[in-house]
Structure formats: C-alpha cells, structure tokens
Amino acid sequence: ALCGAIIVGPRAGRWDEEKEDEFEGHSIPFCVLGTFFLWFGWYGFNPGSTLSMHTAEAANLAGIVAVNTTLSPCVAGLVVF
C-alpha cells in the first residue's frame, strides 16, 4: 500500500491553496456505518480465534473474548470524544 501511495501520489489539486475549499470532509454517517461493519466482523474473527467450543472452558473463553470485543471500541469511543 505504501508503494502504491508513493507511485500514485496525492490527488490532483490537493495541495493547491486556490482549490482548498473543494476538498471537504468525509461523510460522517458512512464513517459510522463502516465502523459498525468492521466491529460486526470482529465478532466472527475474535471469538472464532478460540478455534472450537468443545468444552465449557473454551466456551467461557470465547464469551470473554466477545465481551472484550464489545467493550474495547466502546471505551475507545468515549476516550476520543
């Protein structure tokens, strides 16, 4: 990705002071929607990382992982704002 960014370079007119007002911020609803998509995807990945729930201990571990997956972005959101 870094090599691609170096080769492609910045957007045309990105650093021109005359065109500064043309580059607006991103859509906040789409940023939030993308965050929820990623967050939902982590529920499949993180608890699934325990590889199986064949015992009660493994199921408890997957539950703790799911709770951590829930609490981490919540705390991050509170810290950011």
C-alpha atoms as a PDB file:
ATOM      1  CA  ALA A   1       0.000   0.000   0.000  1.00  0.00           C
ATOM      2  CA  LEU A   2       2.842   2.378   0.780  1.00  0.00           C
ATOM      3  CA  CYS A   3       4.497   1.760  -2.594  1.00  0.00           C
ATOM      4  CA  GLY A   4       1.172   2.314  -4.346  1.00  0.00           C
ATOM      5  CA  ALA A   5       0.592   5.565  -2.465  1.00  0.00           C
ATOM      6  CA  ILE A   6       4.061   6.794  -3.359  1.00  0.00           C
ATOM      7  CA  ILE A   7       3.649   5.895  -7.036  1.00  0.00           C
ATOM      8  CA  VAL A   8       0.152   7.366  -7.367  1.00  0.00           C
ATOM      9  CA  GLY A   9       0.917  10.458  -5.294  1.00  0.00           C
ATOM     10  CA  PRO A  10      -1.581  12.940  -3.861  1.00  0.00           C
ATOM     11  CA  ARG A  11      -4.851  13.801  -5.551  1.00  0.00           C
ATOM     12  CA  ALA A  12      -4.639  16.345  -8.342  1.00  0.00           C
ATOM     13  CA  GLY A  13      -5.000  19.809  -6.860  1.00  0.00           C
ATOM     14  CA  ARG A  14      -4.975  18.564  -3.287  1.00  0.00           C
ATOM     15  CA  TRP A  15      -2.264  20.962  -2.132  1.00  0.00           C
ATOM     16  CA  ASP A  16      -3.294  23.997  -4.207  1.00  0.00           C
ATOM     17  CA  GLU A  17      -4.409  26.815  -1.934  1.00  0.00           C
ATOM     18  CA  GLU A  18      -6.900  28.008  -4.557  1.00  0.00           C
ATOM     19  CA  LYS A  19      -8.741  24.671  -4.532  1.00  0.00           C
ATOM     20  CA  GLU A  20      -8.575  24.207  -0.769  1.00  0.00           C
ATOM     21  CA  ASP A  21     -12.341  24.595  -0.271  1.00  0.00           C
ATOM     22  CA  GLU A  22     -13.162  21.855  -2.807  1.00  0.00           C
ATOM     23  CA  PHE A  23     -11.851  19.105  -0.529  1.00  0.00           C
ATOM     24  CA  GLU A  24     -14.437  18.624   2.180  1.00  0.00           C
ATOM     25  CA  GLY A  25     -14.511  16.118   4.981  1.00  0.00           C
ATOM     26  CA  HIS A  26     -15.858  12.620   4.635  1.00  0.00           C
ATOM     27  CA  SER A  27     -19.441  11.622   5.253  1.00  0.00           C
ATOM     28  CA  ILE A  28     -19.879  11.038   8.975  1.00  0.00           C
ATOM     29  CA  PRO A  29     -22.775   8.550   8.531  1.00  0.00           C
ATOM     30  CA  PHE A  30     -20.647   6.446   6.173  1.00  0.00           C
ATOM     31  CA  CYS A  31     -17.738   6.517   8.635  1.00  0.00           C
ATOM     32  CA  VAL A  32     -20.037   5.294  11.404  1.00  0.00           C
ATOM     33  CA  LEU A  33     -21.580   2.644   9.141  1.00  0.00           C
ATOM     34  CA  GLY A  34     -18.132   1.379   8.138  1.00  0.00           C
ATOM     35  CA  THR A  35     -17.104   1.248  11.778  1.00  0.00           C
ATOM     36  CA  PHE A  36     -20.142  -0.885  12.609  1.00  0.00           C
ATOM     37  CA  PHE A  37     -19.374  -3.223   9.686  1.00  0.00           C
ATOM     38  CA  LEU A  38     -15.819  -3.721  10.925  1.00  0.00           C
ATOM     39  CA  TRP A  39     -16.985  -4.124  14.507  1.00  0.00           C
ATOM     40  CA  PHE A  40     -19.510  -6.774  13.462  1.00  0.00           C
ATOM     41  CA  GLY A  41     -16.823  -8.613  11.501  1.00  0.00           C
ATOM     42  CA  TRP A  42     -14.618  -8.776  14.549  1.00  0.00           C
ATOM     43  CA  TYR A  43     -17.297 -10.808  16.336  1.00  0.00           C
ATOM     44  CA  GLY A  44     -16.725 -13.609  13.852  1.00  0.00           C
ATOM     45  CA  PHE A  45     -12.974 -13.348  13.988  1.00  0.00           C
ATOM     46  CA  ASN A  46     -12.145 -12.778  17.657  1.00  0.00           C
ATOM     47  CA  PRO A  47     -14.365 -15.383  19.383  1.00  0.00           C
ATOM     48  CA  GLY A  48     -13.687 -17.721  16.464  1.00  0.00           C
ATOM     49  CA  SER A  49      -9.984 -17.464  17.236  1.00  0.00           C
ATOM     50  CA  THR A  50     -10.538 -19.848  20.120  1.00  0.00           C
ATOM     51  CA  LEU A  51     -10.908 -22.442  17.310  1.00  0.00           C
ATOM     52  CA  SER A  52     -13.619 -24.509  18.968  1.00  0.00           C
ATOM     53  CA  MET A  53     -16.066 -24.592  21.821  1.00  0.00           C
ATOM     54  CA  HIS A  54     -15.853 -28.262  22.659  1.00  0.00           C
ATOM     55  CA  THR A  55     -15.574 -27.680  26.405  1.00  0.00           C
ATOM     56  CA  ALA A  56     -17.122 -25.300  28.899  1.00  0.00           C
ATOM     57  CA  GLU A  57     -13.741 -23.628  29.424  1.00  0.00           C
ATOM     58  CA  ALA A  58     -13.367 -22.905  25.706  1.00  0.00           C
ATOM     59  CA  ALA A  59     -16.923 -21.537  25.584  1.00  0.00           C
ATOM     60  CA  ASN A  60     -16.194 -19.257  28.553  1.00  0.00           C
ATOM     61  CA  LEU A  61     -13.030 -18.068  26.854  1.00  0.00           C
ATOM     62  CA  ALA A  62     -14.959 -17.255  23.670  1.00  0.00           C
ATOM     63  CA  GLY A  63     -17.508 -15.358  25.794  1.00  0.00           C
ATOM     64  CA  ILE A  64     -14.777 -13.290  27.441  1.00  0.00           C
ATOM     65  CA  VAL A  65     -13.302 -12.552  24.022  1.00  0.00           C
ATOM     66  CA  ALA A  66     -16.708 -11.399  22.765  1.00  0.00           C
ATOM     67  CA  VAL A  67     -17.135  -9.133  25.807  1.00  0.00           C
ATOM     68  CA  ASN A  68     -13.696  -7.618  25.199  1.00  0.00           C
ATOM     69  CA  THR A  69     -14.639  -7.130  21.542  1.00  0.00           C
ATOM     70  CA  THR A  70     -17.683  -5.174  22.710  1.00  0.00           C
ATOM     71  CA  LEU A  71     -16.047  -3.101  25.429  1.00  0.00           C
ATOM     72  CA  SER A  72     -12.866  -2.078  23.596  1.00  0.00           C
ATOM     73  CA  PRO A  73     -14.484   0.068  20.886  1.00  0.00           C
ATOM     74  CA  CYS A  74     -16.972   1.461  23.408  1.00  0.00           C
ATOM     75  CA  VAL A  75     -14.171   2.707  25.633  1.00  0.00           C
ATOM     76  CA  ALA A  76     -12.241   3.981  22.605  1.00  0.00           C
ATOM     77  CA  GLY A  77     -15.289   5.960  21.515  1.00  0.00           C
ATOM     78  CA  LEU A  78     -15.618   7.502  24.959  1.00  0.00           C
ATOM     79  CA  VAL A  79     -11.947   8.412  25.124  1.00  0.00           C
ATOM     80  CA  VAL A  80     -11.945  10.031  21.685  1.00  0.00           C
ATOM     81  CA  PHE A  81     -14.870  12.317  22.431  1.00  0.00           C
END
